[in-house]
Amino acid sequence: MINQTSDSPSPASASTAAGLSAGSSTSTSAKRLGSEAPSGGAAYADDAALLTHATVHRMAQAAHDAVDRLEQALGSGSERMMDWQQEYGDMARDRVRASPLAAVGIAFGVGIVFSKLFMR
């Protein structure tokens, strides 16, 4: 029977923790776990927990980066849309000021067309 104490970390968990903190890849850590971990026991569970924690941390960081990129893309698209709205709004305002009677006639005609389309 093997006598293991839970107070001192095993060499496998110490090397895995050092490897994970240095930014090693998941596959390298998994290979190291398979070759150094005893068959079962607390040391293997600790190593698996460290590996899982590192993987979850990397996935969370990747998701955070993706959200940041999406936010930047939406922000630039929103700014572009606001610029277009301002530009076309100014153009429409200038046209209405140039010929107000034509603008009222066009608005009336469009209103009649929409009422005919949506009355059915």
PDB file of N, CA and C in Angstrom:
ATOM      1  N   MET A   1       0.849  -1.177   0.000  1.00  0.00           N
ATOM      2  CA  MET A   1       0.000   0.000   0.000  1.00  0.00           C
ATOM      3  C   MET A   1       0.890   1.235   0.000  1.00  0.00           C
ATOM      4  N   ILE A   2       0.539   2.227  -0.803  1.00  0.00           N
ATOM      5  CA  ILE A   2       1.316   3.455  -0.929  1.00  0.00           C
ATOM      6  C   ILE A   2       0.804   4.454   0.090  1.00  0.00           C
ATOM      7  N   ASN A   3       1.717   5.078   0.812  1.00  0.00           N
ATOM      8  CA  ASN A   3       1.354   6.061   1.809  1.00  0.00           C
ATOM      9  C   ASN A   3       1.568   7.448   1.224  1.00  0.00           C
ATOM     10  N   GLN A   4       0.476   8.150   0.923  1.00  0.00           N
ATOM     11  CA  GLN A   4       0.559   9.504   0.389  1.00  0.00           C
ATOM     12  C   GLN A   4      -0.028  10.466   1.393  1.00  0.00           C
ATOM     13  N   THR A   5       0.625  11.580   1.594  1.00  0.00           N
ATOM     14  CA  THR A   5       0.070  12.613   2.456  1.00  0.00           C
ATOM     15  C   THR A   5      -0.515  13.697   1.582  1.00  0.00           C
ATOM     16  N   SER A   6      -1.585  14.294   2.023  1.00  0.00           N
ATOM     17  CA  SER A   6      -2.231  15.322   1.229  1.00  0.00           C
ATOM     18  C   SER A   6      -1.608  16.697   1.447  1.00  0.00           C
ATOM     19  N   ASP A   7      -0.662  16.799   2.426  1.00  0.00           N
ATOM     20  CA  ASP A   7      -0.059  18.101   2.705  1.00  0.00           C
ATOM     21  C   ASP A   7       0.995  18.491   1.685  1.00  0.00           C
ATOM     22  N   SER A   8       1.772  17.544   1.185  1.00  0.00           N
ATOM     23  CA  SER A   8       2.845  17.885   0.253  1.00  0.00           C
ATOM     24  C   SER A   8       2.416  17.541  -1.168  1.00  0.00           C
ATOM     25  N   PRO A   9       2.654  18.460  -2.106  1.00  0.00           N
ATOM     26  CA  PRO A   9       2.276  18.166  -3.495  1.00  0.00           C
ATOM     27  C   PRO A   9       3.205  17.128  -4.089  1.00  0.00           C
ATOM     28  N   SER A  10       2.670  16.341  -4.993  1.00  0.00           N
ATOM     29  CA  SER A  10       3.488  15.331  -5.652  1.00  0.00           C
ATOM     30  C   SER A  10       4.346  16.000  -6.708  1.00  0.00           C
ATOM     31  N   PRO A  11       5.423  15.345  -7.141  1.00  0.00           N
ATOM     32  CA  PRO A  11       6.253  15.937  -8.191  1.00  0.00           C
ATOM     33  C   PRO A  11       5.472  16.193  -9.472  1.00  0.00           C
ATOM     34  N   ALA A  12       4.485  15.355  -9.762  1.00  0.00           N
ATOM     35  CA  ALA A  12       3.702  15.552 -10.982  1.00  0.00           C
ATOM     36  C   ALA A  12       2.883  16.829 -10.901  1.00  0.00           C
ATOM     37  N   SER A  13       2.261  17.077  -9.742  1.00  0.00           N
ATOM     38  CA  SER A  13       1.444  18.280  -9.639  1.00  0.00           C
ATOM     39  C   SER A  13       2.303  19.530  -9.601  1.00  0.00           C
ATOM     40  N   ALA A  14       3.492  19.451  -9.025  1.00  0.00           N
ATOM     41  CA  ALA A  14       4.376  20.620  -9.000  1.00  0.00           C
ATOM     42  C   ALA A  14       4.864  20.945 -10.403  1.00  0.00           C
ATOM     43  N   SER A  15       5.232  19.920 -11.180  1.00  0.00           N
ATOM     44  CA  SER A  15       5.709  20.187 -12.534  1.00  0.00           C
ATOM     45  C   SER A  15       4.570  20.639 -13.434  1.00  0.00           C
ATOM     46  N   THR A  16       3.377  20.112 -13.220  1.00  0.00           N
ATOM     47  CA  THR A  16       2.234  20.524 -14.022  1.00  0.00           C
ATOM     48  C   THR A  16       1.863  21.962 -13.700  1.00  0.00           C
ATOM     49  N   ALA A  17       1.860  22.319 -12.433  1.00  0.00           N
ATOM     50  CA  ALA A  17       1.546  23.691 -12.052  1.00  0.00           C
ATOM     51  C   ALA A  17       2.570  24.648 -12.639  1.00  0.00           C
ATOM     52  N   ALA A  18       3.831  24.267 -12.624  1.00  0.00           N
ATOM     53  CA  ALA A  18       4.865  25.129 -13.203  1.00  0.00           C
ATOM     54  C   ALA A  18       4.675  25.235 -14.706  1.00  0.00           C
ATOM     55  N   GLY A  19       4.328  24.135 -15.345  1.00  0.00           N
ATOM     56  CA  GLY A  19       4.121  24.150 -16.790  1.00  0.00           C
ATOM     57  C   GLY A  19       2.918  24.978 -17.174  1.00  0.00           C
ATOM     58  N   LEU A  20       1.833  24.900 -16.390  1.00  0.00           N
ATOM     59  CA  LEU A  20       0.632  25.664 -16.705  1.00  0.00           C
ATOM     60  C   LEU A  20       0.843  27.149 -16.455  1.00  0.00           C
ATOM     61  N   SER A  21       1.592  27.480 -15.416  1.00  0.00           N
ATOM     62  CA  SER A  21       1.809  28.894 -15.158  1.00  0.00           C
ATOM     63  C   SER A  21       2.745  29.497 -16.184  1.00  0.00           C
ATOM     64  N   ALA A  22       3.578  28.685 -16.810  1.00  0.00           N
ATOM     65  CA  ALA A  22       4.477  29.197 -17.843  1.00  0.00           C
ATOM     66  C   ALA A  22       3.762  29.306 -19.185  1.00  0.00           C
ATOM     67  N   GLY A  23       2.491  28.868 -19.255  1.00  0.00           N
ATOM     68  CA  GLY A  23       1.721  29.028 -20.483  1.00  0.00           C
ATOM     69  C   GLY A  23       1.879  27.872 -21.446  1.00  0.00           C
ATOM     70  N   SER A  24       2.121  26.658 -20.950  1.00  0.00           N
ATOM     71  CA  SER A  24       2.270  25.521 -21.851  1.00  0.00           C
ATOM     72  C   SER A  24       0.928  25.162 -22.456  1.00  0.00           C
ATOM     73  N   SER A  25       0.967  24.449 -23.563  1.00  0.00           N
ATOM     74  CA  SER A  25      -0.270  24.105 -24.250  1.00  0.00           C
ATOM     75  C   SER A  25      -0.987  22.976 -23.533  1.00  0.00           C
ATOM     76  N   THR A  26      -2.254  22.825 -23.843  1.00  0.00           N
ATOM     77  CA  THR A  26      -3.071  21.798 -23.208  1.00  0.00           C
ATOM     78  C   THR A  26      -2.573  20.406 -23.567  1.00  0.00           C
ATOM     79  N   SER A  27      -2.191  20.188 -24.813  1.00  0.00           N
ATOM     80  CA  SER A  27      -1.759  18.854 -25.216  1.00  0.00           C
ATOM     81  C   SER A  27      -0.444  18.478 -24.529  1.00  0.00           C
ATOM     82  N   THR A  28       0.470  19.414 -24.357  1.00  0.00           N
ATOM     83  CA  THR A  28       1.724  19.131 -23.664  1.00  0.00           C
ATOM     84  C   THR A  28       1.457  18.802 -22.213  1.00  0.00           C
ATOM     85  N   SER A  29       0.566  19.554 -21.585  1.00  0.00           N
ATOM     86  CA  SER A  29       0.230  19.288 -20.191  1.00  0.00           C
ATOM     87  C   SER A  29      -0.462  17.950 -20.043  1.00  0.00           C
ATOM     88  N   ALA A  30      -1.324  17.613 -21.000  1.00  0.00           N
ATOM     89  CA  ALA A  30      -2.024  16.336 -20.936  1.00  0.00           C
ATOM     90  C   ALA A  30      -1.039  15.182 -21.091  1.00  0.00           C
ATOM     91  N   LYS A  31      -0.054  15.305 -21.977  1.00  0.00           N
ATOM     92  CA  LYS A  31       0.953  14.257 -22.134  1.00  0.00           C
ATOM     93  C   LYS A  31       1.761  14.109 -20.855  1.00  0.00           C
ATOM     94  N   ARG A  32       2.116  15.252 -20.256  1.00  0.00           N
ATOM     95  CA  ARG A  32       2.886  15.211 -19.019  1.00  0.00           C
ATOM     96  C   ARG A  32       2.061  14.558 -17.921  1.00  0.00           C
ATOM     97  N   LEU A  33       0.752  14.856 -17.880  1.00  0.00           N
ATOM     98  CA  LEU A  33      -0.110  14.245 -16.877  1.00  0.00           C
ATOM     99  C   LEU A  33      -0.146  12.733 -17.053  1.00  0.00           C
ATOM    100  N   GLY A  34      -0.255  12.295 -18.294  1.00  0.00           N
ATOM    101  CA  GLY A  34      -0.340  10.868 -18.547  1.00  0.00           C
ATOM    102  C   GLY A  34       0.930  10.132 -18.190  1.00  0.00           C
ATOM    103  N   SER A  35       2.100  10.751 -18.345  1.00  0.00           N
ATOM    104  CA  SER A  35       3.349  10.055 -18.089  1.00  0.00           C
ATOM    105  C   SER A  35       3.804  10.170 -16.649  1.00  0.00           C
ATOM    106  N   GLU A  36       3.424  11.220 -15.914  1.00  0.00           N
ATOM    107  CA  GLU A  36       3.944  11.418 -14.569  1.00  0.00           C
ATOM    108  C   GLU A  36       2.939  11.091 -13.479  1.00  0.00           C
ATOM    109  N   ALA A  37       1.668  11.131 -13.765  1.00  0.00           N
ATOM    110  CA  ALA A  37       0.664  10.942 -12.734  1.00  0.00           C
ATOM    111  C   ALA A  37       0.560   9.474 -12.349  1.00  0.00           C
ATOM    112  N   PRO A  38       0.401   9.207 -11.062  1.00  0.00           N
ATOM    113  CA  PRO A  38       0.201   7.819 -10.630  1.00  0.00           C
ATOM    114  C   PRO A  38      -1.158   7.327 -11.091  1.00  0.00           C
ATOM    115  N   SER A  39      -1.343   6.038 -11.038  1.00  0.00           N
ATOM    116  CA  SER A  39      -2.615   5.476 -11.483  1.00  0.00           C
ATOM    117  C   SER A  39      -3.672   5.733 -10.418  1.00  0.00           C
ATOM    118  N   GLY A  40      -4.389   6.856 -10.557  1.00  0.00           N
ATOM    119  CA  GLY A  40      -5.427   7.230  -9.609  1.00  0.00           C
ATOM    120  C   GLY A  40      -4.849   8.027  -8.456  1.00  0.00           C
ATOM    121  N   GLY A  41      -5.715   8.488  -7.577  1.00  0.00           N
ATOM    122  CA  GLY A  41      -5.271   9.166  -6.386  1.00  0.00           C
ATOM    123  C   GLY A  41      -5.474  10.665  -6.444  1.00  0.00           C
ATOM    124  N   ALA A  42      -5.073  11.294  -5.366  1.00  0.00           N
ATOM    125  CA  ALA A  42      -5.291  12.731  -5.206  1.00  0.00           C
ATOM    126  C   ALA A  42      -4.402  13.555  -6.129  1.00  0.00           C
ATOM    127  N   ALA A  43      -3.189  13.083  -6.405  1.00  0.00           N
ATOM    128  CA  ALA A  43      -2.270  13.849  -7.255  1.00  0.00           C
ATOM    129  C   ALA A  43      -2.829  13.970  -8.664  1.00  0.00           C
ATOM    130  N   TYR A  44      -3.406  12.907  -9.183  1.00  0.00           N
ATOM    131  CA  TYR A  44      -3.989  12.949 -10.516  1.00  0.00           C
ATOM    132  C   TYR A  44      -5.186  13.895 -10.542  1.00  0.00           C
ATOM    133  N   ALA A  45      -5.992  13.882  -9.495  1.00  0.00           N
ATOM    134  CA  ALA A  45      -7.146  14.778  -9.412  1.00  0.00           C
ATOM    135  C   ALA A  45      -6.688  16.229  -9.359  1.00  0.00           C
ATOM    136  N   ASP A  46      -5.622  16.514  -8.615  1.00  0.00           N
ATOM    137  CA  ASP A  46      -5.089  17.879  -8.549  1.00  0.00           C
ATOM    138  C   ASP A  46      -4.586  18.327  -9.917  1.00  0.00           C
ATOM    139  N   ASP A  47      -3.871  17.423 -10.600  1.00  0.00           N
ATOM    140  CA  ASP A  47      -3.353  17.755 -11.927  1.00  0.00           C
ATOM    141  C   ASP A  47      -4.489  18.002 -12.917  1.00  0.00           C
ATOM    142  N   ALA A  48      -5.507  17.166 -12.847  1.00  0.00           N
ATOM    143  CA  ALA A  48      -6.649  17.326 -13.743  1.00  0.00           C
ATOM    144  C   ALA A  48      -7.368  18.641 -13.447  1.00  0.00           C
ATOM    145  N   ALA A  49      -7.474  18.992 -12.171  1.00  0.00           N
ATOM    146  CA  ALA A  49      -8.115  20.253 -11.802  1.00  0.00           C
ATOM    147  C   ALA A  49      -7.314  21.438 -12.324  1.00  0.00           C
ATOM    148  N   LEU A  50      -5.993  21.374 -12.213  1.00  0.00           N
ATOM    149  CA  LEU A  50      -5.146  22.453 -12.729  1.00  0.00           C
ATOM    150  C   LEU A  50      -5.274  22.572 -14.243  1.00  0.00           C
ATOM    151  N   LEU A  51      -5.269  21.453 -14.917  1.00  0.00           N
ATOM    152  CA  LEU A  51      -5.397  21.448 -16.370  1.00  0.00           C
ATOM    153  C   LEU A  51      -6.758  21.994 -16.797  1.00  0.00           C
ATOM    154  N   THR A  52      -7.805  21.586 -16.113  1.00  0.00           N
ATOM    155  CA  THR A  52      -9.152  22.062 -16.409  1.00  0.00           C
ATOM    156  C   THR A  52      -9.260  23.563 -16.166  1.00  0.00           C
ATOM    157  N   HIS A  53      -8.692  24.012 -15.054  1.00  0.00           N
ATOM    158  CA  HIS A  53      -8.733  25.444 -14.731  1.00  0.00           C
ATOM    159  C   HIS A  53      -8.011  26.255 -15.809  1.00  0.00           C
ATOM    160  N   ALA A  54      -6.866  25.793 -16.251  1.00  0.00           N
ATOM    161  CA  ALA A  54      -6.114  26.505 -17.284  1.00  0.00           C
ATOM    162  C   ALA A  54      -6.890  26.531 -18.606  1.00  0.00           C
ATOM    163  N   THR A  55      -7.522  25.425 -18.941  1.00  0.00           N
ATOM    164  CA  THR A  55      -8.300  25.363 -20.181  1.00  0.00           C
ATOM    165  C   THR A  55      -9.493  26.310 -20.119  1.00  0.00           C
ATOM    166  N   VAL A  56     -10.198  26.313 -19.008  1.00  0.00           N
ATOM    167  CA  VAL A  56     -11.348  27.201 -18.845  1.00  0.00           C
ATOM    168  C   VAL A  56     -10.896  28.656 -18.893  1.00  0.00           C
ATOM    169  N   HIS A  57      -9.762  28.947 -18.285  1.00  0.00           N
ATOM    170  CA  HIS A  57      -9.241  30.316 -18.298  1.00  0.00           C
ATOM    171  C   HIS A  57      -8.915  30.758 -19.723  1.00  0.00           C
ATOM    172  N   ARG A  58      -8.285  29.876 -20.511  1.00  0.00           N
ATOM    173  CA  ARG A  58      -7.959  30.212 -21.898  1.00  0.00           C
ATOM    174  C   ARG A  58      -9.226  30.410 -22.724  1.00  0.00           C
ATOM    175  N   MET A  59     -10.229  29.571 -22.509  1.00  0.00           N
ATOM    176  CA  MET A  59     -11.486  29.700 -23.252  1.00  0.00           C
ATOM    177  C   MET A  59     -12.201  30.998 -22.884  1.00  0.00           C
ATOM    178  N   ALA A  60     -12.194  31.347 -21.596  1.00  0.00           N
ATOM    179  CA  ALA A  60     -12.821  32.591 -21.157  1.00  0.00           C
ATOM    180  C   ALA A  60     -12.107  33.790 -21.760  1.00  0.00           C
ATOM    181  N   GLN A  61     -10.783  33.734 -21.814  1.00  0.00           N
ATOM    182  CA  GLN A  61     -10.019  34.833 -22.407  1.00  0.00           C
ATOM    183  C   GLN A  61     -10.318  34.954 -23.900  1.00  0.00           C
ATOM    184  N   ALA A  62     -10.422  33.827 -24.596  1.00  0.00           N
ATOM    185  CA  ALA A  62     -10.749  33.854 -26.023  1.00  0.00           C
ATOM    186  C   ALA A  62     -12.149  34.423 -26.250  1.00  0.00           C
ATOM    187  N   ALA A  63     -13.106  34.056 -25.406  1.00  0.00           N
ATOM    188  CA  ALA A  63     -14.461  34.592 -25.524  1.00  0.00           C
ATOM    189  C   ALA A  63     -14.468  36.095 -25.252  1.00  0.00           C
ATOM    190  N   HIS A  64     -13.702  36.518 -24.268  1.00  0.00           N
ATOM    191  CA  HIS A  64     -13.614  37.938 -23.950  1.00  0.00           C
ATOM    192  C   HIS A  64     -13.025  38.720 -25.127  1.00  0.00           C
ATOM    193  N   ASP A  65     -11.991  38.183 -25.738  1.00  0.00           N
ATOM    194  CA  ASP A  65     -11.380  38.831 -26.909  1.00  0.00           C
ATOM    195  C   ASP A  65     -12.372  38.921 -28.074  1.00  0.00           C
ATOM    196  N   ALA A  66     -13.153  37.856 -28.277  1.00  0.00           N
ATOM    197  CA  ALA A  66     -14.144  37.850 -29.356  1.00  0.00           C
ATOM    198  C   ALA A  66     -15.223  38.894 -29.106  1.00  0.00           C
ATOM    199  N   VAL A  67     -15.653  39.030 -27.866  1.00  0.00           N
ATOM    200  CA  VAL A  67     -16.660  40.037 -27.525  1.00  0.00           C
ATOM    201  C   VAL A  67     -16.103  41.439 -27.752  1.00  0.00           C
ATOM    202  N   ASP A  68     -14.843  41.650 -27.403  1.00  0.00           N
ATOM    203  CA  ASP A  68     -14.214  42.958 -27.642  1.00  0.00           C
ATOM    204  C   ASP A  68     -14.164  43.289 -29.129  1.00  0.00           C
ATOM    205  N   ARG A  69     -13.796  42.301 -29.957  1.00  0.00           N
ATOM    206  CA  ARG A  69     -13.752  42.535 -31.406  1.00  0.00           C
ATOM    207  C   ARG A  69     -15.149  42.832 -31.951  1.00  0.00           C
ATOM    208  N   LEU A  70     -16.151  42.107 -31.479  1.00  0.00           N
ATOM    209  CA  LEU A  70     -17.530  42.333 -31.913  1.00  0.00           C
ATOM    210  C   LEU A  70     -18.000  43.724 -31.505  1.00  0.00           C
ATOM    211  N   GLU A  71     -17.659  44.128 -30.294  1.00  0.00           N
ATOM    212  CA  GLU A  71     -18.046  45.451 -29.818  1.00  0.00           C
ATOM    213  C   GLU A  71     -17.416  46.551 -30.674  1.00  0.00           C
ATOM    214  N   GLN A  72     -16.159  46.376 -31.047  1.00  0.00           N
ATOM    215  CA  GLN A  72     -15.501  47.365 -31.900  1.00  0.00           C
ATOM    216  C   GLN A  72     -16.145  47.406 -33.282  1.00  0.00           C
ATOM    217  N   ALA A  73     -16.465  46.241 -33.831  1.00  0.00           N
ATOM    218  CA  ALA A  73     -17.090  46.196 -35.155  1.00  0.00           C
ATOM    219  C   ALA A  73     -18.467  46.851 -35.127  1.00  0.00           C
ATOM    220  N   LEU A  74     -19.255  46.554 -34.108  1.00  0.00           N
ATOM    221  CA  LEU A  74     -20.581  47.162 -34.006  1.00  0.00           C
ATOM    222  C   LEU A  74     -20.483  48.658 -33.758  1.00  0.00           C
ATOM    223  N   GLY A  75     -19.501  49.074 -32.982  1.00  0.00           N
ATOM    224  CA  GLY A  75     -19.319  50.495 -32.719  1.00  0.00           C
ATOM    225  C   GLY A  75     -18.978  51.256 -33.976  1.00  0.00           C
ATOM    226  N   SER A  76     -18.080  50.709 -34.797  1.00  0.00           N
ATOM    227  CA  SER A  76     -17.718  51.401 -36.035  1.00  0.00           C
ATOM    228  C   SER A  76     -18.890  51.384 -37.021  1.00  0.00           C
ATOM    229  N   GLY A  77     -19.648  50.300 -37.071  1.00  0.00           N
ATOM    230  CA  GLY A  77     -20.830  50.234 -37.933  1.00  0.00           C
ATOM    231  C   GLY A  77     -21.896  51.215 -37.489  1.00  0.00           C
ATOM    232  N   SER A  78     -22.055  51.348 -36.195  1.00  0.00           N
ATOM    233  CA  SER A  78     -23.037  52.279 -35.650  1.00  0.00           C
ATOM    234  C   SER A  78     -22.647  53.720 -35.970  1.00  0.00           C
ATOM    235  N   GLU A  79     -21.354  54.025 -35.843  1.00  0.00           N
ATOM    236  CA  GLU A  79     -20.886  55.377 -36.169  1.00  0.00           C
ATOM    237  C   GLU A  79     -21.108  55.677 -37.656  1.00  0.00           C
ATOM    238  N   ARG A  80     -20.837  54.694 -38.504  1.00  0.00           N
ATOM    239  CA  ARG A  80     -21.039  54.864 -39.946  1.00  0.00           C
ATOM    240  C   ARG A  80     -22.514  55.108 -40.258  1.00  0.00           C
ATOM    241  N   MET A  81     -23.393  54.366 -39.591  1.00  0.00           N
ATOM    242  CA  MET A  81     -24.835  54.530 -39.798  1.00  0.00           C
ATOM    243  C   MET A  81     -25.295  55.908 -39.329  1.00  0.00           C
ATOM    244  N   MET A  82     -24.762  56.372 -38.230  1.00  0.00           N
ATOM    245  CA  MET A  82     -25.114  57.706 -37.738  1.00  0.00           C
ATOM    246  C   MET A  82     -24.645  58.784 -38.717  1.00  0.00           C
ATOM    247  N   ASP A  83     -23.468  58.587 -39.305  1.00  0.00           N
ATOM    248  CA  ASP A  83     -22.976  59.537 -40.304  1.00  0.00           C
ATOM    249  C   ASP A  83     -23.885  59.565 -41.529  1.00  0.00           C
ATOM    250  N   TRP A  84     -24.306  58.397 -42.001  1.00  0.00           N
ATOM    251  CA  TRP A  84     -25.212  58.323 -43.152  1.00  0.00           C
ATOM    252  C   TRP A  84     -26.545  58.996 -42.830  1.00  0.00           C
ATOM    253  N   GLN A  85     -27.049  58.730 -41.630  1.00  0.00           N
ATOM    254  CA  GLN A  85     -28.316  59.327 -41.225  1.00  0.00           C
ATOM    255  C   GLN A  85     -28.199  60.846 -41.224  1.00  0.00           C
ATOM    256  N   GLN A  86     -27.126  61.358 -40.691  1.00  0.00           N
ATOM    257  CA  GLN A  86     -26.921  62.804 -40.660  1.00  0.00           C
ATOM    258  C   GLN A  86     -26.824  63.369 -42.074  1.00  0.00           C
ATOM    259  N   GLU A  87     -26.050  62.698 -42.922  1.00  0.00           N
ATOM    260  CA  GLU A  87     -25.849  63.170 -44.291  1.00  0.00           C
ATOM    261  C   GLU A  87     -27.166  63.189 -45.080  1.00  0.00           C
ATOM    262  N   TYR A  88     -27.909  62.067 -45.068  1.00  0.00           N
ATOM    263  CA  TYR A  88     -29.155  61.994 -45.834  1.00  0.00           C
ATOM    264  C   TYR A  88     -30.257  62.858 -45.219  1.00  0.00           C
ATOM    265  N   GLY A  89     -30.227  63.014 -43.913  1.00  0.00           N
ATOM    266  CA  GLY A  89     -31.187  63.911 -43.263  1.00  0.00           C
ATOM    267  C   GLY A  89     -30.972  65.350 -43.690  1.00  0.00           C
ATOM    268  N   ASP A  90     -29.702  65.745 -43.760  1.00  0.00           N
ATOM    269  CA  ASP A  90     -29.387  67.103 -44.222  1.00  0.00           C
ATOM    270  C   ASP A  90     -29.805  67.302 -45.676  1.00  0.00           C
ATOM    271  N   MET A  91     -29.558  66.279 -46.513  1.00  0.00           N
ATOM    272  CA  MET A  91     -29.956  66.387 -47.925  1.00  0.00           C
ATOM    273  C   MET A  91     -31.472  66.517 -48.055  1.00  0.00           C
ATOM    274  N   ALA A  92     -32.222  65.709 -47.298  1.00  0.00           N
ATOM    275  CA  ALA A  92     -33.686  65.764 -47.365  1.00  0.00           C
ATOM    276  C   ALA A  92     -34.191  67.116 -46.871  1.00  0.00           C
ATOM    277  N   ARG A  93     -33.601  67.621 -45.795  1.00  0.00           N
ATOM    278  CA  ARG A  93     -34.001  68.923 -45.255  1.00  0.00           C
ATOM    279  C   ARG A  93     -33.760  70.036 -46.285  1.00  0.00           C
ATOM    280  N   ASP A  94     -32.632  69.961 -46.981  1.00  0.00           N
ATOM    281  CA  ASP A  94     -32.335  70.964 -48.009  1.00  0.00           C
ATOM    282  C   ASP A  94     -33.336  70.896 -49.156  1.00  0.00           C
ATOM    283  N   ARG A  95     -33.724  69.694 -49.575  1.00  0.00           N
ATOM    284  CA  ARG A  95     -34.690  69.536 -50.667  1.00  0.00           C
ATOM    285  C   ARG A  95     -36.065  70.079 -50.269  1.00  0.00           C
ATOM    286  N   VAL A  96     -36.472  69.795 -49.012  1.00  0.00           N
ATOM    287  CA  VAL A  96     -37.781  70.272 -48.549  1.00  0.00           C
ATOM    288  C   VAL A  96     -37.786  71.788 -48.483  1.00  0.00           C
ATOM    289  N   ARG A  97     -36.686  72.387 -48.042  1.00  0.00           N
ATOM    290  CA  ARG A  97     -36.612  73.843 -47.978  1.00  0.00           C
ATOM    291  C   ARG A  97     -36.617  74.460 -49.375  1.00  0.00           C
ATOM    292  N   ALA A  98     -36.025  73.753 -50.333  1.00  0.00           N
ATOM    293  CA  ALA A  98     -35.967  74.277 -51.701  1.00  0.00           C
ATOM    294  C   ALA A  98     -37.345  74.263 -52.362  1.00  0.00           C
ATOM    295  N   SER A  99     -38.133  73.216 -52.117  1.00  0.00           N
ATOM    296  CA  SER A  99     -39.478  73.151 -52.726  1.00  0.00           C
ATOM    297  C   SER A  99     -40.434  72.475 -51.747  1.00  0.00           C
ATOM    298  N   PRO A 100     -41.015  73.235 -50.842  1.00  0.00           N
ATOM    299  CA  PRO A 100     -41.895  72.654 -49.820  1.00  0.00           C
ATOM    300  C   PRO A 100     -43.191  72.078 -50.379  1.00  0.00           C
ATOM    301  N   LEU A 101     -43.746  72.688 -51.419  1.00  0.00           N
ATOM    302  CA  LEU A 101     -45.004  72.197 -51.981  1.00  0.00           C
ATOM    303  C   LEU A 101     -44.814  70.805 -52.599  1.00  0.00           C
ATOM    304  N   ALA A 102     -43.709  70.586 -53.285  1.00  0.00           N
ATOM    305  CA  ALA A 102     -43.431  69.271 -53.869  1.00  0.00           C
ATOM    306  C   ALA A 102     -43.238  68.229 -52.767  1.00  0.00           C
ATOM    307  N   ALA A 103     -42.601  68.605 -51.659  1.00  0.00           N
ATOM    308  CA  ALA A 103     -42.388  67.670 -50.552  1.00  0.00           C
ATOM    309  C   ALA A 103     -43.710  67.241 -49.936  1.00  0.00           C
ATOM    310  N   VAL A 104     -44.635  68.196 -49.770  1.00  0.00           N
ATOM    311  CA  VAL A 104     -45.957  67.863 -49.218  1.00  0.00           C
ATOM    312  C   VAL A 104     -46.710  66.956 -50.186  1.00  0.00           C
ATOM    313  N   GLY A 105     -46.640  67.233 -51.483  1.00  0.00           N
ATOM    314  CA  GLY A 105     -47.317  66.398 -52.484  1.00  0.00           C
ATOM    315  C   GLY A 105     -46.765  64.978 -52.508  1.00  0.00           C
ATOM    316  N   ILE A 106     -45.439  64.850 -52.429  1.00  0.00           N
ATOM    317  CA  ILE A 106     -44.821  63.511 -52.411  1.00  0.00           C
ATOM    318  C   ILE A 106     -45.233  62.759 -51.156  1.00  0.00           C
ATOM    319  N   ALA A 107     -45.228  63.433 -50.001  1.00  0.00           N
ATOM    320  CA  ALA A 107     -45.625  62.781 -48.744  1.00  0.00           C
ATOM    321  C   ALA A 107     -47.080  62.332 -48.813  1.00  0.00           C
ATOM    322  N   PHE A 108     -47.940  63.143 -49.409  1.00  0.00           N
ATOM    323  CA  PHE A 108     -49.351  62.780 -49.556  1.00  0.00           C
ATOM    324  C   PHE A 108     -49.506  61.553 -50.454  1.00  0.00           C
ATOM    325  N   GLY A 109     -48.796  61.546 -51.566  1.00  0.00           N
ATOM    326  CA  GLY A 109     -48.862  60.411 -52.494  1.00  0.00           C
ATOM    327  C   GLY A 109     -48.351  59.120 -51.869  1.00  0.00           C
ATOM    328  N   VAL A 110     -47.270  59.199 -51.160  1.00  0.00           N
ATOM    329  CA  VAL A 110     -46.722  58.007 -50.489  1.00  0.00           C
ATOM    330  C   VAL A 110     -47.699  57.509 -49.433  1.00  0.00           C
ATOM    331  N   GLY A 111     -48.341  58.423 -48.719  1.00  0.00           N
ATOM    332  CA  GLY A 111     -49.345  58.037 -47.724  1.00  0.00           C
ATOM    333  C   GLY A 111     -50.507  57.295 -48.342  1.00  0.00           C
ATOM    334  N   ILE A 112     -50.981  57.749 -49.496  1.00  0.00           N
ATOM    335  CA  ILE A 112     -52.093  57.070 -50.183  1.00  0.00           C
ATOM    336  C   ILE A 112     -51.668  55.673 -50.642  1.00  0.00           C
ATOM    337  N   VAL A 113     -50.467  55.563 -51.203  1.00  0.00           N
ATOM    338  CA  VAL A 113     -49.976  54.256 -51.662  1.00  0.00           C
ATOM    339  C   VAL A 113     -49.889  53.278 -50.489  1.00  0.00           C
ATOM    340  N   PHE A 114     -49.324  53.715 -49.366  1.00  0.00           N
ATOM    341  CA  PHE A 114     -49.209  52.825 -48.201  1.00  0.00           C
ATOM    342  C   PHE A 114     -50.585  52.446 -47.649  1.00  0.00           C
ATOM    343  N   SER A 115     -51.521  53.387 -47.646  1.00  0.00           N
ATOM    344  CA  SER A 115     -52.860  53.061 -47.122  1.00  0.00           C
ATOM    345  C   SER A 115     -53.540  52.026 -48.021  1.00  0.00           C
ATOM    346  N   LYS A 116     -53.342  52.113 -49.330  1.00  0.00           N
ATOM    347  CA  LYS A 116     -53.928  51.121 -50.237  1.00  0.00           C
ATOM    348  C   LYS A 116     -53.285  49.743 -50.054  1.00  0.00           C
ATOM    349  N   LEU A 117     -51.969  49.740 -49.818  1.00  0.00           N
ATOM    350  CA  LEU A 117     -51.274  48.464 -49.646  1.00  0.00           C
ATOM    351  C   LEU A 117     -51.679  47.752 -48.355  1.00  0.00           C
ATOM    352  N   PHE A 118     -51.872  48.506 -47.287  1.00  0.00           N
ATOM    353  CA  PHE A 118     -52.104  47.888 -45.984  1.00  0.00           C
ATOM    354  C   PHE A 118     -53.557  47.820 -45.582  1.00  0.00           C
ATOM    355  N   MET A 119     -54.490  48.265 -46.422  1.00  0.00           N
ATOM    356  CA  MET A 119     -55.918  48.188 -46.111  1.00  0.00           C
ATOM    357  C   MET A 119     -56.457  46.785 -46.346  1.00  0.00           C
ATOM    358  N   ARG A 120     -55.819  45.997 -47.122  1.00  0.00           N
ATOM    359  CA  ARG A 120     -56.328  44.663 -47.473  1.00  0.00           C
ATOM    360  C   ARG A 120     -56.223  43.731 -46.356  1.00  0.00           C
TER     361      ARG A 120
END
